[in-house]
Amino acid sequence: QVQLVESGGGLVQAGDSLRLSCAASLRTFNTYTMGWFRQAPGKEREFVAAIKWSGPRTYYGDSVKGRFTISRDNVKNTVYLQMDSLKPEDTAVYYCAAGRSGLSRVGVDSEYAYWGQGTQVTVSS
């Protein structure tokens, strides 16, 4: 059974940093494309970042470029999202997702096969 477990969310002030982690029970974790998405109340789920297994190549949503950094540790089967210079508009539930290695549309949530339960990030002004 595949499990993705996010952690690291919380309540912070604008300008602070947080690091989210996602531990994956995937036998071949190093071959998966890993992504982070977020969903704020009343809004659609939004692409945040993704990382391929090779390179590794990284991709970011426009709203987080230059502030967030995605990385992965293929030994620990974990993907991270370092979030710096947080803004109130970053407030959302953040979800970790896993998709096949050949996934091309990294920003499309339906491309991902497995999802975590989400972790809440709240940024106060």
N, C-alpha and C. Protein backbone atom coordinates (compact mmCIF):
# COMPACT_ATOMS: atom_id res chain seq x y z
N GLN A 1 0.85 -1.19 0.00
CA GLN A 1 0.00 0.00 0.00
C GLN A 1 0.88 1.24 0.00
N VAL A 2 0.64 2.11 -0.96
CA VAL A 2 1.44 3.32 -1.07
C VAL A 2 0.92 4.36 -0.09
N GLN A 3 1.85 4.96 0.63
CA GLN A 3 1.49 6.04 1.54
C GLN A 3 2.43 7.21 1.35
N LEU A 4 1.86 8.39 1.33
CA LEU A 4 2.61 9.63 1.33
C LEU A 4 2.19 10.40 2.58
N VAL A 5 3.14 10.72 3.44
CA VAL A 5 2.82 11.37 4.70
C VAL A 5 3.55 12.70 4.78
N GLU A 6 2.78 13.78 4.77
CA GLU A 6 3.37 15.12 4.87
C GLU A 6 3.52 15.53 6.33
N SER A 7 4.49 16.39 6.58
CA SER A 7 4.69 16.96 7.89
C SER A 7 5.38 18.30 7.74
N GLY A 8 5.38 19.08 8.84
CA GLY A 8 6.10 20.34 8.84
C GLY A 8 5.25 21.58 8.72
N GLY A 9 3.95 21.40 8.53
CA GLY A 9 3.08 22.57 8.43
C GLY A 9 2.92 23.26 9.77
N GLY A 10 2.32 24.44 9.76
CA GLY A 10 2.10 25.17 10.99
C GLY A 10 1.68 26.59 10.75
N LEU A 11 1.68 27.36 11.84
CA LEU A 11 1.31 28.77 11.80
C LEU A 11 2.58 29.61 11.94
N VAL A 12 2.80 30.48 10.95
CA VAL A 12 3.97 31.36 10.96
C VAL A 12 3.56 32.76 10.57
N GLN A 13 4.49 33.69 10.73
CA GLN A 13 4.23 35.07 10.33
C GLN A 13 4.78 35.33 8.94
N ALA A 14 4.27 36.35 8.31
CA ALA A 14 4.76 36.74 6.99
C ALA A 14 6.26 37.00 7.06
N GLY A 15 6.98 36.48 6.06
CA GLY A 15 8.42 36.63 6.02
C GLY A 15 9.17 35.46 6.62
N ASP A 16 8.48 34.61 7.37
CA ASP A 16 9.12 33.44 7.97
C ASP A 16 9.33 32.33 6.95
N SER A 17 9.97 31.27 7.42
CA SER A 17 10.24 30.10 6.59
C SER A 17 9.66 28.85 7.22
N LEU A 18 9.35 27.87 6.39
CA LEU A 18 8.92 26.55 6.83
C LEU A 18 9.50 25.52 5.87
N ARG A 19 9.73 24.33 6.37
CA ARG A 19 10.12 23.23 5.49
C ARG A 19 9.14 22.09 5.65
N LEU A 20 8.50 21.75 4.57
CA LEU A 20 7.60 20.60 4.55
C LEU A 20 8.36 19.36 4.12
N SER A 21 7.95 18.23 4.68
CA SER A 21 8.53 16.95 4.30
C SER A 21 7.41 16.01 3.87
N CYS A 22 7.76 15.10 2.99
CA CYS A 22 6.81 14.09 2.55
C CYS A 22 7.55 12.76 2.47
N ALA A 23 7.20 11.86 3.38
CA ALA A 23 7.82 10.54 3.40
C ALA A 23 6.95 9.58 2.58
N ALA A 24 7.58 8.88 1.65
CA ALA A 24 6.84 8.03 0.72
C ALA A 24 7.20 6.56 0.89
N SER A 25 6.18 5.73 0.93
CA SER A 25 6.41 4.28 1.02
C SER A 25 6.33 3.69 -0.39
N LEU A 26 7.22 4.15 -1.24
CA LEU A 26 7.29 3.69 -2.63
C LEU A 26 8.56 2.87 -2.80
N ARG A 27 8.41 1.65 -3.29
CA ARG A 27 9.58 0.78 -3.41
C ARG A 27 10.63 1.35 -4.37
N THR A 28 10.16 2.01 -5.41
CA THR A 28 11.08 2.60 -6.38
C THR A 28 10.92 4.11 -6.37
N PHE A 29 11.01 4.69 -5.18
CA PHE A 29 10.80 6.13 -4.99
C PHE A 29 11.67 6.93 -5.94
N ASN A 30 12.90 6.47 -6.16
CA ASN A 30 13.83 7.27 -6.94
C ASN A 30 13.43 7.42 -8.40
N THR A 31 12.43 6.65 -8.85
CA THR A 31 12.00 6.75 -10.24
C THR A 31 10.75 7.62 -10.40
N TYR A 32 10.14 8.04 -9.30
CA TYR A 32 8.90 8.80 -9.38
C TYR A 32 9.15 10.30 -9.52
N THR A 33 8.25 10.96 -10.23
CA THR A 33 8.17 12.41 -10.20
C THR A 33 7.36 12.78 -8.95
N MET A 34 7.91 13.68 -8.16
CA MET A 34 7.24 14.09 -6.92
C MET A 34 6.80 15.54 -7.06
N GLY A 35 5.61 15.82 -6.56
CA GLY A 35 5.08 17.17 -6.68
C GLY A 35 4.46 17.67 -5.39
N TRP A 36 4.35 18.98 -5.30
CA TRP A 36 3.62 19.64 -4.21
C TRP A 36 2.52 20.49 -4.84
N PHE A 37 1.34 20.38 -4.29
CA PHE A 37 0.21 21.20 -4.67
C PHE A 37 -0.36 21.82 -3.40
N ARG A 38 -1.17 22.84 -3.57
CA ARG A 38 -1.82 23.44 -2.41
C ARG A 38 -3.24 23.85 -2.77
N GLN A 39 -4.06 23.92 -1.75
CA GLN A 39 -5.45 24.34 -1.95
C GLN A 39 -5.89 25.22 -0.80
N ALA A 40 -6.27 26.43 -1.13
CA ALA A 40 -6.79 27.37 -0.16
C ALA A 40 -8.32 27.26 -0.14
N PRO A 41 -8.94 27.66 0.95
CA PRO A 41 -10.41 27.58 1.05
C PRO A 41 -11.09 28.32 -0.09
N GLY A 42 -12.01 27.63 -0.75
CA GLY A 42 -12.77 28.25 -1.82
C GLY A 42 -12.04 28.37 -3.14
N LYS A 43 -10.83 27.82 -3.20
CA LYS A 43 -10.04 27.92 -4.43
C LYS A 43 -9.71 26.53 -4.97
N GLU A 44 -9.34 26.48 -6.25
CA GLU A 44 -8.94 25.22 -6.85
C GLU A 44 -7.52 24.85 -6.40
N ARG A 45 -7.24 23.57 -6.52
CA ARG A 45 -5.90 23.11 -6.17
C ARG A 45 -4.88 23.72 -7.15
N GLU A 46 -3.77 24.16 -6.60
CA GLU A 46 -2.76 24.90 -7.36
C GLU A 46 -1.43 24.17 -7.34
N PHE A 47 -0.77 24.12 -8.49
CA PHE A 47 0.55 23.53 -8.57
C PHE A 47 1.57 24.42 -7.88
N VAL A 48 2.43 23.82 -7.07
CA VAL A 48 3.47 24.56 -6.36
C VAL A 48 4.85 24.23 -6.93
N ALA A 49 5.20 22.95 -6.93
CA ALA A 49 6.53 22.56 -7.39
C ALA A 49 6.57 21.08 -7.71
N ALA A 50 7.53 20.68 -8.53
CA ALA A 50 7.73 19.28 -8.85
C ALA A 50 9.20 19.01 -9.08
N ILE A 51 9.57 17.75 -8.88
CA ILE A 51 10.96 17.36 -9.07
C ILE A 51 11.00 16.00 -9.73
N LYS A 52 11.77 15.89 -10.79
CA LYS A 52 11.95 14.64 -11.50
C LYS A 52 12.99 13.79 -10.79
N TRP A 53 13.05 12.52 -11.16
CA TRP A 53 14.04 11.66 -10.53
C TRP A 53 15.42 11.90 -11.10
N SER A 54 15.51 12.33 -12.34
CA SER A 54 16.81 12.52 -12.99
C SER A 54 17.17 14.00 -12.99
N GLY A 55 18.42 14.30 -12.82
CA GLY A 55 18.89 15.68 -12.84
C GLY A 55 19.38 16.13 -11.47
N PRO A 56 18.46 16.29 -10.51
CA PRO A 56 17.02 16.24 -10.75
C PRO A 56 16.50 17.57 -11.29
N ARG A 57 15.61 17.51 -12.23
CA ARG A 57 15.00 18.70 -12.77
C ARG A 57 13.86 19.16 -11.87
N THR A 58 13.77 20.47 -11.71
CA THR A 58 12.74 21.03 -10.85
C THR A 58 11.86 22.02 -11.61
N TYR A 59 10.64 22.16 -11.14
CA TYR A 59 9.66 23.02 -11.77
C TYR A 59 8.88 23.73 -10.66
N TYR A 60 8.47 24.99 -10.94
CA TYR A 60 7.78 25.78 -9.93
C TYR A 60 6.60 26.52 -10.52
N GLY A 61 5.59 26.70 -9.68
CA GLY A 61 4.50 27.57 -10.05
C GLY A 61 4.95 29.02 -10.02
N ASP A 62 4.34 29.85 -10.81
CA ASP A 62 4.77 31.25 -10.92
C ASP A 62 4.72 31.98 -9.58
N SER A 63 3.74 31.64 -8.76
CA SER A 63 3.54 32.38 -7.52
C SER A 63 4.60 32.06 -6.46
N VAL A 64 5.38 31.02 -6.66
CA VAL A 64 6.36 30.63 -5.64
C VAL A 64 7.80 30.66 -6.15
N LYS A 65 7.99 30.94 -7.42
CA LYS A 65 9.35 30.97 -7.98
C LYS A 65 10.21 31.96 -7.24
N GLY A 66 11.42 31.51 -6.89
CA GLY A 66 12.36 32.37 -6.18
C GLY A 66 12.19 32.36 -4.67
N ARG A 67 11.10 31.76 -4.19
CA ARG A 67 10.86 31.72 -2.74
C ARG A 67 10.84 30.29 -2.20
N PHE A 68 10.38 29.35 -3.02
CA PHE A 68 10.27 27.95 -2.59
C PHE A 68 11.31 27.12 -3.33
N THR A 69 11.77 26.06 -2.65
CA THR A 69 12.73 25.15 -3.24
C THR A 69 12.31 23.71 -2.96
N ILE A 70 12.20 22.92 -4.00
CA ILE A 70 11.87 21.51 -3.83
C ILE A 70 13.15 20.69 -3.96
N SER A 71 13.24 19.64 -3.14
CA SER A 71 14.39 18.75 -3.21
C SER A 71 13.94 17.35 -2.80
N ARG A 72 14.81 16.39 -3.03
CA ARG A 72 14.46 15.02 -2.68
C ARG A 72 15.67 14.29 -2.15
N ASP A 73 15.42 13.31 -1.29
CA ASP A 73 16.45 12.43 -0.77
C ASP A 73 16.02 11.01 -1.10
N ASN A 74 16.64 10.44 -2.12
CA ASN A 74 16.22 9.12 -2.59
C ASN A 74 16.64 7.99 -1.65
N VAL A 75 17.49 8.28 -0.69
CA VAL A 75 17.86 7.28 0.32
C VAL A 75 16.77 7.23 1.39
N LYS A 76 16.28 8.39 1.77
CA LYS A 76 15.24 8.48 2.80
C LYS A 76 13.83 8.41 2.23
N ASN A 77 13.71 8.31 0.90
CA ASN A 77 12.38 8.28 0.27
C ASN A 77 11.53 9.48 0.70
N THR A 78 12.16 10.64 0.67
CA THR A 78 11.50 11.84 1.17
C THR A 78 11.70 12.99 0.19
N VAL A 79 10.66 13.77 0.03
CA VAL A 79 10.74 14.99 -0.76
C VAL A 79 10.45 16.16 0.17
N TYR A 80 11.14 17.26 -0.06
CA TYR A 80 11.04 18.43 0.80
C TYR A 80 10.55 19.64 0.02
N LEU A 81 9.93 20.56 0.73
CA LEU A 81 9.59 21.85 0.15
C LEU A 81 10.03 22.91 1.15
N GLN A 82 11.11 23.60 0.82
CA GLN A 82 11.59 24.71 1.62
C GLN A 82 10.86 25.96 1.19
N MET A 83 10.18 26.59 2.11
CA MET A 83 9.37 27.76 1.80
C MET A 83 9.92 28.96 2.56
N ASP A 84 10.44 29.91 1.83
CA ASP A 84 11.00 31.13 2.41
C ASP A 84 10.16 32.34 2.03
N SER A 85 10.35 33.41 2.77
CA SER A 85 9.62 34.66 2.51
C SER A 85 8.13 34.40 2.35
N LEU A 86 7.58 33.70 3.30
CA LEU A 86 6.17 33.32 3.20
C LEU A 86 5.26 34.54 3.26
N LYS A 87 4.17 34.44 2.53
CA LYS A 87 3.18 35.51 2.45
C LYS A 87 1.82 34.98 2.92
N PRO A 88 0.93 35.85 3.35
CA PRO A 88 -0.40 35.38 3.75
C PRO A 88 -1.11 34.60 2.65
N GLU A 89 -0.86 34.95 1.41
CA GLU A 89 -1.51 34.25 0.30
C GLU A 89 -0.96 32.84 0.08
N ASP A 90 0.08 32.47 0.81
CA ASP A 90 0.58 31.09 0.77
C ASP A 90 -0.22 30.18 1.69
N THR A 91 -1.12 30.75 2.47
CA THR A 91 -1.95 29.96 3.37
C THR A 91 -2.80 28.97 2.58
N ALA A 92 -2.66 27.68 2.93
CA ALA A 92 -3.37 26.62 2.21
C ALA A 92 -3.05 25.28 2.87
N VAL A 93 -3.76 24.28 2.43
CA VAL A 93 -3.37 22.90 2.74
C VAL A 93 -2.42 22.46 1.62
N TYR A 94 -1.27 21.96 2.01
CA TYR A 94 -0.26 21.54 1.06
C TYR A 94 -0.26 20.02 0.94
N TYR A 95 -0.30 19.56 -0.30
CA TYR A 95 -0.37 18.12 -0.58
C TYR A 95 0.88 17.67 -1.34
N CYS A 96 1.35 16.52 -0.97
CA CYS A 96 2.43 15.85 -1.67
C CYS A 96 1.81 14.85 -2.64
N ALA A 97 2.43 14.69 -3.82
CA ALA A 97 1.90 13.77 -4.82
C ALA A 97 3.04 13.05 -5.52
N ALA A 98 2.74 11.84 -5.98
CA ALA A 98 3.74 11.04 -6.70
C ALA A 98 3.17 10.59 -8.03
N GLY A 99 4.00 10.71 -9.08
CA GLY A 99 3.57 10.30 -10.40
C GLY A 99 4.68 9.53 -11.11
N ARG A 100 4.35 8.94 -12.23
CA ARG A 100 5.31 8.12 -12.97
C ARG A 100 6.48 8.97 -13.44
N SER A 101 7.58 8.30 -13.70
CA SER A 101 8.80 9.02 -14.05
C SER A 101 8.66 9.80 -15.35
N GLY A 102 7.87 9.28 -16.29
CA GLY A 102 7.74 9.94 -17.59
C GLY A 102 6.68 11.02 -17.64
N LEU A 103 6.12 11.33 -16.49
CA LEU A 103 5.09 12.37 -16.40
C LEU A 103 5.59 13.66 -17.06
N SER A 104 4.79 14.22 -17.97
CA SER A 104 5.24 15.41 -18.69
C SER A 104 4.56 16.68 -18.21
N ARG A 105 3.29 16.57 -17.88
CA ARG A 105 2.56 17.76 -17.44
C ARG A 105 2.63 17.85 -15.92
N VAL A 106 3.77 18.30 -15.43
CA VAL A 106 4.04 18.26 -13.99
C VAL A 106 3.10 19.14 -13.20
N GLY A 107 2.50 20.12 -13.82
CA GLY A 107 1.61 21.03 -13.13
C GLY A 107 0.16 20.61 -13.11
N VAL A 108 -0.14 19.44 -13.65
CA VAL A 108 -1.51 18.96 -13.75
C VAL A 108 -1.75 17.90 -12.69
N ASP A 109 -2.67 18.14 -11.77
CA ASP A 109 -2.83 17.23 -10.64
C ASP A 109 -3.32 15.85 -11.06
N SER A 110 -4.08 15.75 -12.13
CA SER A 110 -4.60 14.45 -12.56
C SER A 110 -3.50 13.54 -13.10
N GLU A 111 -2.31 14.06 -13.32
CA GLU A 111 -1.18 13.27 -13.78
C GLU A 111 -0.55 12.45 -12.66
N TYR A 112 -0.88 12.77 -11.43
CA TYR A 112 -0.26 12.12 -10.28
C TYR A 112 -1.15 10.99 -9.75
N ALA A 113 -0.53 9.87 -9.44
CA ALA A 113 -1.29 8.69 -9.04
C ALA A 113 -1.54 8.61 -7.54
N TYR A 114 -0.62 9.14 -6.76
CA TYR A 114 -0.72 8.99 -5.31
C TYR A 114 -0.65 10.34 -4.63
N TRP A 115 -1.42 10.46 -3.54
CA TRP A 115 -1.52 11.72 -2.82
C TRP A 115 -1.44 11.49 -1.32
N GLY A 116 -0.86 12.49 -0.64
CA GLY A 116 -0.86 12.49 0.80
C GLY A 116 -2.13 13.11 1.35
N GLN A 117 -2.23 13.16 2.67
CA GLN A 117 -3.44 13.66 3.31
C GLN A 117 -3.43 15.18 3.47
N GLY A 118 -2.29 15.79 3.29
CA GLY A 118 -2.18 17.24 3.37
C GLY A 118 -1.71 17.74 4.71
N THR A 119 -1.07 18.88 4.71
CA THR A 119 -0.65 19.55 5.93
C THR A 119 -0.97 21.03 5.81
N GLN A 120 -1.50 21.60 6.88
CA GLN A 120 -1.95 22.99 6.85
C GLN A 120 -0.78 23.94 7.07
N VAL A 121 -0.71 24.95 6.23
CA VAL A 121 0.23 26.05 6.39
C VAL A 121 -0.59 27.34 6.49
N THR A 122 -0.38 28.06 7.57
CA THR A 122 -1.09 29.32 7.78
C THR A 122 -0.07 30.43 8.01
N VAL A 123 -0.17 31.47 7.20
CA VAL A 123 0.76 32.59 7.30
C VAL A 123 -0.03 33.82 7.71
N SER A 124 0.31 34.36 8.85
CA SER A 124 -0.39 35.55 9.34
C SER A 124 0.35 36.82 8.91
N SER A 125 -0.40 37.87 8.75
CA SER A 125 0.20 39.14 8.29
C SER A 125 0.68 39.99 9.45
